[in-house]
Amino acid sequence: MEWFEAILLGLVQGLTEFLPVSSSGHLAIGRELLGVEASDDLVFEVAVHAATVLSTIVVFRKQIWGLLQGLFRFRYNDETDYILKIGISMIPVFVVGVFFKDFVTGLFGSLSGVAVALLVTAILLLFSDFASRAYDGAKSAVRTNPYRNGISYWQAFVVGLGQAVAVVPGLSRSGTTIATGLICGVKRDVMAQFSFLMVLVPILGEAFLDVVGGDMAASSVGMLPLALGFLSAFVSGLFACKVMIALVKRAKLYWFAIYCVAVAVAIFILG
């Protein structure tokens, strides 16, 4: 991988991580367009994902600091409740990462598989958009959520199942988790923040294991492209996290569904 290719792929990762269009799928498409060989390891992808997670931490630093302050008061409060629900949401992806990592790694080689997953993402986004509008348009009462922090433990777990399934490239993690939450009755603004915070520990944990286990040194991608890709993804992620999260909260998800269908059709046509 050349240094300029790493920068371009980092930009793709940073700009697509926070939209429900699958950053991993776009990375696979970007590699194909650039003629970059897909290596057997996922170190570069983990590195650029870690970069966008770091940008998320920077943008949400006040919320994260507030959660940590509440946690260390050592009593059950709103912050403790929120952190516990994030912990519950991480159980499914932890199981997938521990027991099915080799299987997931094998999925990152088929561009046609990415196209199929993008179509599934589009269906999820359409269905959740209609479900959300049905909730919001209910005439019986103003839509409320009786659960603390706007999300229950069972909703957090179901959203976590969505995140675990979304390890498939082309199946958007943010799109799947947000769609799952909306279908379960969680409000869009609550689900947007929860979706972006729940991924922090799994991705940073994966990056840490790669460094400790020596995978970073054994990667077929050189250290310079890794560093440039990381920096590119971090800078573009800062921009995307500030601008595009607000867009996800307010925009109708069917526009993203249309985009996913268009990309999938283009992959099938162009081969």
C-alpha atoms as a PDB file:
ATOM      1  CA  MET A   1       0.000   0.000   0.000  1.00  0.00           C
ATOM      2  CA  GLU A   2       1.387   3.386  -1.020  1.00  0.00           C
ATOM      3  CA  TRP A   3       1.300   6.386   1.311  1.00  0.00           C
ATOM      4  CA  PHE A   4      -1.207   8.332  -0.829  1.00  0.00           C
ATOM      5  CA  GLU A   5      -3.492   5.293  -0.995  1.00  0.00           C
ATOM      6  CA  ALA A   6      -3.439   5.080   2.794  1.00  0.00           C
ATOM      7  CA  ILE A   7      -4.400   8.767   3.025  1.00  0.00           C
ATOM      8  CA  LEU A   8      -7.299   8.310   0.578  1.00  0.00           C
ATOM      9  CA  LEU A   9      -8.566   5.198   2.381  1.00  0.00           C
ATOM     10  CA  GLY A  10      -8.279   7.028   5.703  1.00  0.00           C
ATOM     11  CA  LEU A  11     -10.410   9.843   4.291  1.00  0.00           C
ATOM     12  CA  VAL A  12     -12.998   7.303   3.129  1.00  0.00           C
ATOM     13  CA  GLN A  13     -13.080   5.740   6.595  1.00  0.00           C
ATOM     14  CA  GLY A  14     -13.340   9.046   8.431  1.00  0.00           C
ATOM     15  CA  LEU A  15     -16.102  10.444   6.224  1.00  0.00           C
ATOM     16  CA  THR A  16     -18.235   7.281   6.153  1.00  0.00           C
ATOM     17  CA  GLU A  17     -17.844   6.033   9.743  1.00  0.00           C
ATOM     18  CA  PHE A  18     -20.610   8.254  11.082  1.00  0.00           C
ATOM     19  CA  LEU A  19     -23.105   7.853   8.248  1.00  0.00           C
ATOM     20  CA  PRO A  20     -25.251   4.715   7.895  1.00  0.00           C
ATOM     21  CA  VAL A  21     -23.519   3.660   4.658  1.00  0.00           C
ATOM     22  CA  SER A  22     -20.863   1.200   5.946  1.00  0.00           C
ATOM     23  CA  SER A  23     -17.310   2.455   6.311  1.00  0.00           C
ATOM     24  CA  SER A  24     -15.911  -1.096   6.012  1.00  0.00           C
ATOM     25  CA  GLY A  25     -17.833  -1.589   2.765  1.00  0.00           C
ATOM     26  CA  HIS A  26     -16.516   1.693   1.388  1.00  0.00           C
ATOM     27  CA  LEU A  27     -12.988   0.722   2.406  1.00  0.00           C
ATOM     28  CA  ALA A  28     -13.376  -2.503   0.413  1.00  0.00           C
ATOM     29  CA  ILE A  29     -14.660  -0.514  -2.582  1.00  0.00           C
ATOM     30  CA  GLY A  30     -11.831   2.013  -2.187  1.00  0.00           C
ATOM     31  CA  ARG A  31      -9.223  -0.750  -2.144  1.00  0.00           C
ATOM     32  CA  GLU A  32     -10.712  -2.207  -5.313  1.00  0.00           C
ATOM     33  CA  LEU A  33     -10.748   1.149  -7.126  1.00  0.00           C
ATOM     34  CA  LEU A  34      -7.173   1.909  -6.082  1.00  0.00           C
ATOM     35  CA  GLY A  35      -5.978  -1.572  -6.916  1.00  0.00           C
ATOM     36  CA  VAL A  36      -4.800  -2.159  -3.354  1.00  0.00           C
ATOM     37  CA  GLU A  37      -4.520  -5.833  -2.516  1.00  0.00           C
ATOM     38  CA  ALA A  38      -6.661  -6.918   0.408  1.00  0.00           C
ATOM     39  CA  SER A  39      -4.210  -8.411   2.877  1.00  0.00           C
ATOM     40  CA  ASP A  40      -5.043 -11.367   5.075  1.00  0.00           C
ATOM     41  CA  ASP A  41      -4.915  -9.189   8.194  1.00  0.00           C
ATOM     42  CA  LEU A  42      -7.270  -6.403   9.219  1.00  0.00           C
ATOM     43  CA  VAL A  43      -4.639  -4.227  10.883  1.00  0.00           C
ATOM     44  CA  PHE A  44      -5.055  -1.231   8.579  1.00  0.00           C
ATOM     45  CA  GLU A  45      -8.825  -1.324   8.981  1.00  0.00           C
ATOM     46  CA  VAL A  46      -8.521  -1.596  12.751  1.00  0.00           C
ATOM     47  CA  ALA A  47      -6.080   1.344  12.753  1.00  0.00           C
ATOM     48  CA  VAL A  48      -8.338   3.694  10.796  1.00  0.00           C
ATOM     49  CA  HIS A  49     -11.367   2.596  12.841  1.00  0.00           C
ATOM     50  CA  ALA A  50      -9.391   3.389  15.997  1.00  0.00           C
ATOM     51  CA  ALA A  51      -8.627   6.821  14.533  1.00  0.00           C
ATOM     52  CA  THR A  52     -12.293   7.626  14.042  1.00  0.00           C
ATOM     53  CA  VAL A  53     -13.047   6.317  17.525  1.00  0.00           C
ATOM     54  CA  LEU A  54     -10.420   8.739  18.831  1.00  0.00           C
ATOM     55  CA  SER A  55     -12.141  11.559  16.951  1.00  0.00           C
ATOM     56  CA  THR A  56     -15.414  10.465  18.580  1.00  0.00           C
ATOM     57  CA  ILE A  57     -13.773  10.729  21.997  1.00  0.00           C
ATOM     58  CA  VAL A  58     -12.580  14.244  21.185  1.00  0.00           C
ATOM     59  CA  VAL A  59     -16.032  15.372  20.035  1.00  0.00           C
ATOM     60  CA  PHE A  60     -17.902  13.677  22.904  1.00  0.00           C
ATOM     61  CA  ARG A  61     -15.268  14.463  25.528  1.00  0.00           C
ATOM     62  CA  LYS A  62     -17.673  16.412  27.754  1.00  0.00           C
ATOM     63  CA  GLN A  63     -20.290  13.651  27.729  1.00  0.00           C
ATOM     64  CA  ILE A  64     -17.662  10.970  28.337  1.00  0.00           C
ATOM     65  CA  TRP A  65     -16.099  12.963  31.177  1.00  0.00           C
ATOM     66  CA  GLY A  66     -19.552  13.411  32.720  1.00  0.00           C
ATOM     67  CA  LEU A  67     -20.176   9.658  32.521  1.00  0.00           C
ATOM     68  CA  LEU A  68     -16.848   8.901  34.208  1.00  0.00           C
ATOM     69  CA  GLN A  69     -17.506  11.449  36.949  1.00  0.00           C
ATOM     70  CA  GLY A  70     -20.886   9.899  37.632  1.00  0.00           C
ATOM     71  CA  LEU A  71     -19.413   6.393  37.620  1.00  0.00           C
ATOM     72  CA  PHE A  72     -16.845   7.229  40.280  1.00  0.00           C
ATOM     73  CA  ARG A  73     -19.478   8.557  42.634  1.00  0.00           C
ATOM     74  CA  PHE A  74     -20.016   4.832  43.312  1.00  0.00           C
ATOM     75  CA  ARG A  75     -23.784   4.874  43.347  1.00  0.00           C
ATOM     76  CA  TYR A  76     -26.476   4.009  40.852  1.00  0.00           C
ATOM     77  CA  ASN A  77     -27.227   7.205  38.958  1.00  0.00           C
ATOM     78  CA  ASP A  78     -27.957   8.256  35.377  1.00  0.00           C
ATOM     79  CA  GLU A  79     -24.299   7.979  34.417  1.00  0.00           C
ATOM     80  CA  THR A  80     -23.880   4.522  35.939  1.00  0.00           C
ATOM     81  CA  ASP A  81     -27.088   3.385  34.282  1.00  0.00           C
ATOM     82  CA  TYR A  82     -25.877   4.614  30.866  1.00  0.00           C
ATOM     83  CA  ILE A  83     -22.473   2.945  31.207  1.00  0.00           C
ATOM     84  CA  LEU A  84     -24.047  -0.354  32.282  1.00  0.00           C
ATOM     85  CA  LYS A  85     -26.304  -0.283  29.240  1.00  0.00           C
ATOM     86  CA  ILE A  86     -23.313   0.352  26.995  1.00  0.00           C
ATOM     87  CA  GLY A  87     -21.660  -2.633  28.678  1.00  0.00           C
ATOM     88  CA  ILE A  88     -24.719  -4.792  27.981  1.00  0.00           C
ATOM     89  CA  SER A  89     -24.650  -3.716  24.329  1.00  0.00           C
ATOM     90  CA  MET A  90     -21.030  -4.897  23.989  1.00  0.00           C
ATOM     91  CA  ILE A  91     -21.726  -8.520  24.997  1.00  0.00           C
ATOM     92  CA  PRO A  92     -22.790  -9.766  21.517  1.00  0.00           C
ATOM     93  CA  VAL A  93     -19.842  -8.184  19.667  1.00  0.00           C
ATOM     94  CA  PHE A  94     -17.497  -9.566  22.339  1.00  0.00           C
ATOM     95  CA  VAL A  95     -18.812 -13.073  21.676  1.00  0.00           C
ATOM     96  CA  VAL A  96     -18.377 -12.612  17.917  1.00  0.00           C
ATOM     97  CA  GLY A  97     -14.858 -11.225  18.364  1.00  0.00           C
ATOM     98  CA  VAL A  98     -13.728 -14.077  20.622  1.00  0.00           C
ATOM     99  CA  PHE A  99     -15.355 -17.085  18.945  1.00  0.00           C
ATOM    100  CA  PHE A 100     -15.916 -16.049  15.307  1.00  0.00           C
ATOM    101  CA  LYS A 101     -12.967 -13.739  14.500  1.00  0.00           C
ATOM    102  CA  ASP A 102     -11.512 -16.047  11.829  1.00  0.00           C
ATOM    103  CA  PHE A 103     -14.886 -16.367  10.132  1.00  0.00           C
ATOM    104  CA  VAL A 104     -15.379 -12.588  10.122  1.00  0.00           C
ATOM    105  CA  THR A 105     -11.870 -12.083   8.716  1.00  0.00           C
ATOM    106  CA  GLY A 106     -12.769 -14.336   5.791  1.00  0.00           C
ATOM    107  CA  LEU A 107     -15.699 -12.086   4.864  1.00  0.00           C
ATOM    108  CA  PHE A 108     -13.438  -9.208   3.814  1.00  0.00           C
ATOM    109  CA  GLY A 109     -12.659 -10.484   0.353  1.00  0.00           C
ATOM    110  CA  SER A 110     -15.843 -10.403  -1.713  1.00  0.00           C
ATOM    111  CA  LEU A 111     -17.034  -7.144  -3.263  1.00  0.00           C
ATOM    112  CA  SER A 112     -20.289  -8.813  -4.342  1.00  0.00           C
ATOM    113  CA  GLY A 113     -20.852  -9.677  -0.687  1.00  0.00           C
ATOM    114  CA  VAL A 114     -20.426  -5.999   0.166  1.00  0.00           C
ATOM    115  CA  ALA A 115     -23.106  -5.137  -2.411  1.00  0.00           C
ATOM    116  CA  VAL A 116     -25.563  -7.633  -0.897  1.00  0.00           C
ATOM    117  CA  ALA A 117     -24.855  -6.281   2.599  1.00  0.00           C
ATOM    118  CA  LEU A 118     -25.443  -2.712   1.356  1.00  0.00           C
ATOM    119  CA  LEU A 119     -28.861  -3.803   0.088  1.00  0.00           C
ATOM    120  CA  VAL A 120     -29.621  -5.287   3.507  1.00  0.00           C
ATOM    121  CA  THR A 121     -28.522  -1.992   5.081  1.00  0.00           C
ATOM    122  CA  ALA A 122     -30.908  -0.123   2.764  1.00  0.00           C
ATOM    123  CA  ILE A 123     -33.816  -2.376   3.764  1.00  0.00           C
ATOM    124  CA  LEU A 124     -33.064  -1.864   7.467  1.00  0.00           C
ATOM    125  CA  LEU A 125     -32.864   1.912   7.047  1.00  0.00           C
ATOM    126  CA  LEU A 126     -36.148   2.064   5.127  1.00  0.00           C
ATOM    127  CA  PHE A 127     -37.973  -0.125   7.629  1.00  0.00           C
ATOM    128  CA  SER A 128     -36.635   1.780  10.640  1.00  0.00           C
ATOM    129  CA  ASP A 129     -37.469   5.133   9.038  1.00  0.00           C
ATOM    130  CA  PHE A 130     -41.080   4.091   8.554  1.00  0.00           C
ATOM    131  CA  ALA A 131     -41.221   2.641  12.083  1.00  0.00           C
ATOM    132  CA  SER A 132     -39.793   5.837  13.575  1.00  0.00           C
ATOM    133  CA  ARG A 133     -42.233   8.040  11.685  1.00  0.00           C
ATOM    134  CA  ALA A 134     -45.084   5.791  12.802  1.00  0.00           C
ATOM    135  CA  TYR A 135     -44.054   6.334  16.422  1.00  0.00           C
ATOM    136  CA  ASP A 136     -43.624  10.078  15.976  1.00  0.00           C
ATOM    137  CA  GLY A 137     -46.891  10.416  14.090  1.00  0.00           C
ATOM    138  CA  ALA A 138     -49.004   8.540  16.618  1.00  0.00           C
ATOM    139  CA  LYS A 139     -52.073  10.595  17.517  1.00  0.00           C
ATOM    140  CA  SER A 140     -52.702   8.963  20.872  1.00  0.00           C
ATOM    141  CA  ALA A 141     -49.983  10.796  22.801  1.00  0.00           C
ATOM    142  CA  VAL A 142     -46.652  12.461  22.537  1.00  0.00           C
ATOM    143  CA  ARG A 143     -44.031   9.791  22.085  1.00  0.00           C
ATOM    144  CA  THR A 144     -42.278   9.093  25.364  1.00  0.00           C
ATOM    145  CA  ASN A 145     -39.828   6.504  26.595  1.00  0.00           C
ATOM    146  CA  PRO A 146     -40.345   5.245  30.168  1.00  0.00           C
ATOM    147  CA  TYR A 147     -36.763   4.016  30.525  1.00  0.00           C
ATOM    148  CA  ARG A 148     -33.912   5.829  32.218  1.00  0.00           C
ATOM    149  CA  ASN A 149     -31.696   7.667  29.704  1.00  0.00           C
ATOM    150  CA  GLY A 150     -34.277   6.888  27.022  1.00  0.00           C
ATOM    151  CA  ILE A 151     -33.168   3.277  26.508  1.00  0.00           C
ATOM    152  CA  SER A 152     -33.757   0.055  28.436  1.00  0.00           C
ATOM    153  CA  TYR A 153     -31.406  -2.831  29.127  1.00  0.00           C
ATOM    154  CA  TRP A 154     -33.209  -5.112  26.690  1.00  0.00           C
ATOM    155  CA  GLN A 155     -33.112  -2.424  23.989  1.00  0.00           C
ATOM    156  CA  ALA A 156     -29.388  -1.950  24.604  1.00  0.00           C
ATOM    157  CA  PHE A 157     -28.826  -5.697  24.216  1.00  0.00           C
ATOM    158  CA  VAL A 158     -30.842  -5.876  20.990  1.00  0.00           C
ATOM    159  CA  VAL A 159     -28.891  -2.922  19.607  1.00  0.00           C
ATOM    160  CA  GLY A 160     -25.735  -4.800  20.597  1.00  0.00           C
ATOM    161  CA  LEU A 161     -26.942  -7.774  18.552  1.00  0.00           C
ATOM    162  CA  GLY A 162     -27.252  -5.392  15.612  1.00  0.00           C
ATOM    163  CA  GLN A 163     -23.683  -4.221  16.148  1.00  0.00           C
ATOM    164  CA  ALA A 164     -22.440  -7.822  16.256  1.00  0.00           C
ATOM    165  CA  VAL A 165     -24.136  -8.648  12.952  1.00  0.00           C
ATOM    166  CA  ALA A 166     -22.754  -5.453  11.417  1.00  0.00           C
ATOM    167  CA  VAL A 167     -19.197  -6.800  11.454  1.00  0.00           C
ATOM    168  CA  VAL A 168     -20.080  -7.995   7.940  1.00  0.00           C
ATOM    169  CA  PRO A 169     -18.502  -5.512   5.469  1.00  0.00           C
ATOM    170  CA  GLY A 170     -21.185  -3.510   3.719  1.00  0.00           C
ATOM    171  CA  LEU A 171     -23.603  -3.823   6.618  1.00  0.00           C
ATOM    172  CA  SER A 172     -23.371  -0.397   8.239  1.00  0.00           C
ATOM    173  CA  ARG A 173     -22.638  -0.510  11.971  1.00  0.00           C
ATOM    174  CA  SER A 174     -24.160   2.892  12.670  1.00  0.00           C
ATOM    175  CA  GLY A 175     -27.040   2.204  10.295  1.00  0.00           C
ATOM    176  CA  THR A 176     -27.763  -1.215  11.811  1.00  0.00           C
ATOM    177  CA  THR A 177     -27.561  -0.057  15.422  1.00  0.00           C
ATOM    178  CA  ILE A 178     -29.590   3.109  14.836  1.00  0.00           C
ATOM    179  CA  ALA A 179     -32.167   1.187  12.787  1.00  0.00           C
ATOM    180  CA  THR A 180     -32.404  -1.531  15.435  1.00  0.00           C
ATOM    181  CA  GLY A 181     -32.894   1.051  18.159  1.00  0.00           C
ATOM    182  CA  LEU A 182     -35.573   2.923  16.207  1.00  0.00           C
ATOM    183  CA  ILE A 183     -37.441  -0.318  15.516  1.00  0.00           C
ATOM    184  CA  CYS A 184     -37.302  -1.102  19.254  1.00  0.00           C
ATOM    185  CA  GLY A 185     -38.814   2.314  20.036  1.00  0.00           C
ATOM    186  CA  VAL A 186     -35.745   4.342  21.040  1.00  0.00           C
ATOM    187  CA  LYS A 187     -35.838   7.988  19.991  1.00  0.00           C
ATOM    188  CA  ARG A 188     -33.551   9.033  17.154  1.00  0.00           C
ATOM    189  CA  ASP A 189     -31.476  11.561  19.145  1.00  0.00           C
ATOM    190  CA  VAL A 190     -30.954   9.088  21.991  1.00  0.00           C
ATOM    191  CA  MET A 191     -30.027   6.309  19.593  1.00  0.00           C
ATOM    192  CA  ALA A 192     -27.577   8.438  17.609  1.00  0.00           C
ATOM    193  CA  GLN A 193     -25.412   9.228  20.634  1.00  0.00           C
ATOM    194  CA  PHE A 194     -25.699   5.723  22.095  1.00  0.00           C
ATOM    195  CA  SER A 195     -24.714   4.206  18.754  1.00  0.00           C
ATOM    196  CA  PHE A 196     -21.502   6.207  18.523  1.00  0.00           C
ATOM    197  CA  LEU A 197     -20.481   5.751  22.161  1.00  0.00           C
ATOM    198  CA  MET A 198     -21.122   1.999  22.329  1.00  0.00           C
ATOM    199  CA  VAL A 199     -18.389   1.268  19.758  1.00  0.00           C
ATOM    200  CA  LEU A 200     -15.557   2.974  21.656  1.00  0.00           C
ATOM    201  CA  VAL A 201     -14.445   0.065  23.838  1.00  0.00           C
ATOM    202  CA  PRO A 202     -14.713  -2.764  21.247  1.00  0.00           C
ATOM    203  CA  ILE A 203     -12.665  -0.990  18.562  1.00  0.00           C
ATOM    204  CA  LEU A 204     -10.045   0.406  20.951  1.00  0.00           C
ATOM    205  CA  GLY A 205      -9.827  -3.028  22.569  1.00  0.00           C
ATOM    206  CA  GLU A 206      -9.227  -4.651  19.174  1.00  0.00           C
ATOM    207  CA  ALA A 207      -6.513  -2.109  18.370  1.00  0.00           C
ATOM    208  CA  PHE A 208      -4.863  -2.718  21.756  1.00  0.00           C
ATOM    209  CA  LEU A 209      -4.861  -6.491  21.223  1.00  0.00           C
ATOM    210  CA  ASP A 210      -3.274  -6.032  17.782  1.00  0.00           C
ATOM    211  CA  VAL A 211      -0.459  -3.959  19.279  1.00  0.00           C
ATOM    212  CA  VAL A 212       0.116  -6.264  22.267  1.00  0.00           C
ATOM    213  CA  GLY A 213      -0.143  -9.413  20.160  1.00  0.00           C
ATOM    214  CA  GLY A 214       2.400  -8.174  17.633  1.00  0.00           C
ATOM    215  CA  ASP A 215      -0.071  -8.104  14.720  1.00  0.00           C
ATOM    216  CA  MET A 216       0.791  -4.466  14.041  1.00  0.00           C
ATOM    217  CA  ALA A 217       4.435  -5.328  13.490  1.00  0.00           C
ATOM    218  CA  ALA A 218       3.567  -8.392  11.423  1.00  0.00           C
ATOM    219  CA  SER A 219       1.156  -6.491   9.179  1.00  0.00           C
ATOM    220  CA  SER A 220       1.816  -6.465   5.434  1.00  0.00           C
ATOM    221  CA  VAL A 221       1.044  -2.724   5.525  1.00  0.00           C
ATOM    222  CA  GLY A 222       4.089  -0.586   6.365  1.00  0.00           C
ATOM    223  CA  MET A 223       4.223   1.668   9.400  1.00  0.00           C
ATOM    224  CA  LEU A 224       4.231   4.876   7.296  1.00  0.00           C
ATOM    225  CA  PRO A 225       0.960   4.050   5.461  1.00  0.00           C
ATOM    226  CA  LEU A 226      -0.549   2.945   8.774  1.00  0.00           C
ATOM    227  CA  ALA A 227       0.421   6.247  10.415  1.00  0.00           C
ATOM    228  CA  LEU A 228      -0.782   8.368   7.486  1.00  0.00           C
ATOM    229  CA  GLY A 229      -4.015   6.403   7.209  1.00  0.00           C
ATOM    230  CA  PHE A 230      -4.594   6.850  10.951  1.00  0.00           C
ATOM    231  CA  LEU A 231      -3.973  10.600  10.787  1.00  0.00           C
ATOM    232  CA  SER A 232      -6.157  11.020   7.698  1.00  0.00           C
ATOM    233  CA  ALA A 233      -9.027   9.084   9.281  1.00  0.00           C
ATOM    234  CA  PHE A 234      -8.701  11.038  12.544  1.00  0.00           C
ATOM    235  CA  VAL A 235      -8.801  14.492  10.915  1.00  0.00           C
ATOM    236  CA  SER A 236     -11.651  13.638   8.540  1.00  0.00           C
ATOM    237  CA  GLY A 237     -13.430  11.871  11.402  1.00  0.00           C
ATOM    238  CA  LEU A 238     -13.363  15.048  13.483  1.00  0.00           C
ATOM    239  CA  PHE A 239     -15.108  16.904  10.672  1.00  0.00           C
ATOM    240  CA  ALA A 240     -17.576  14.087  10.015  1.00  0.00           C
ATOM    241  CA  CYS A 241     -18.407  13.575  13.669  1.00  0.00           C
ATOM    242  CA  LYS A 242     -19.290  17.238  14.177  1.00  0.00           C
ATOM    243  CA  VAL A 243     -21.206  17.749  10.947  1.00  0.00           C
ATOM    244  CA  MET A 244     -22.643  14.380   9.987  1.00  0.00           C
ATOM    245  CA  ILE A 245     -23.934  13.160  13.364  1.00  0.00           C
ATOM    246  CA  ALA A 246     -26.315  16.125  13.379  1.00  0.00           C
ATOM    247  CA  LEU A 247     -27.317  15.142   9.852  1.00  0.00           C
ATOM    248  CA  VAL A 248     -28.053  11.567  10.915  1.00  0.00           C
ATOM    249  CA  LYS A 249     -30.228  12.837  13.764  1.00  0.00           C
ATOM    250  CA  ARG A 250     -32.378  15.064  11.550  1.00  0.00           C
ATOM    251  CA  ALA A 251     -32.248  13.599   8.051  1.00  0.00           C
ATOM    252  CA  LYS A 252     -34.640  10.954   6.782  1.00  0.00           C
ATOM    253  CA  LEU A 253     -32.807   7.655   6.653  1.00  0.00           C
ATOM    254  CA  TYR A 254     -34.343   6.667   3.331  1.00  0.00           C
ATOM    255  CA  TRP A 255     -31.924   9.045   1.578  1.00  0.00           C
ATOM    256  CA  PHE A 256     -29.064   6.917   2.864  1.00  0.00           C
ATOM    257  CA  ALA A 257     -30.998   3.798   1.856  1.00  0.00           C
ATOM    258  CA  ILE A 258     -31.231   5.119  -1.713  1.00  0.00           C
ATOM    259  CA  TYR A 259     -27.491   5.790  -1.694  1.00  0.00           C
ATOM    260  CA  CYS A 260     -26.726   2.247  -0.471  1.00  0.00           C
ATOM    261  CA  VAL A 261     -28.912   0.759  -3.220  1.00  0.00           C
ATOM    262  CA  ALA A 262     -27.190   2.926  -5.851  1.00  0.00           C
ATOM    263  CA  VAL A 263     -23.727   1.817  -4.713  1.00  0.00           C
ATOM    264  CA  ALA A 264     -24.793  -1.844  -4.615  1.00  0.00           C
ATOM    265  CA  VAL A 265     -26.257  -1.650  -8.119  1.00  0.00           C
ATOM    266  CA  ALA A 266     -23.068   0.028  -9.375  1.00  0.00           C
ATOM    267  CA  ILE A 267     -20.981  -2.820  -7.912  1.00  0.00           C
ATOM    268  CA  PHE A 268     -23.155  -5.454  -9.617  1.00  0.00           C
ATOM    269  CA  ILE A 269     -23.084  -3.627 -12.957  1.00  0.00           C
ATOM    270  CA  LEU A 270     -19.380  -2.807 -12.973  1.00  0.00           C
ATOM    271  CA  GLY A 271     -18.389  -6.163 -11.568  1.00  0.00           C
END
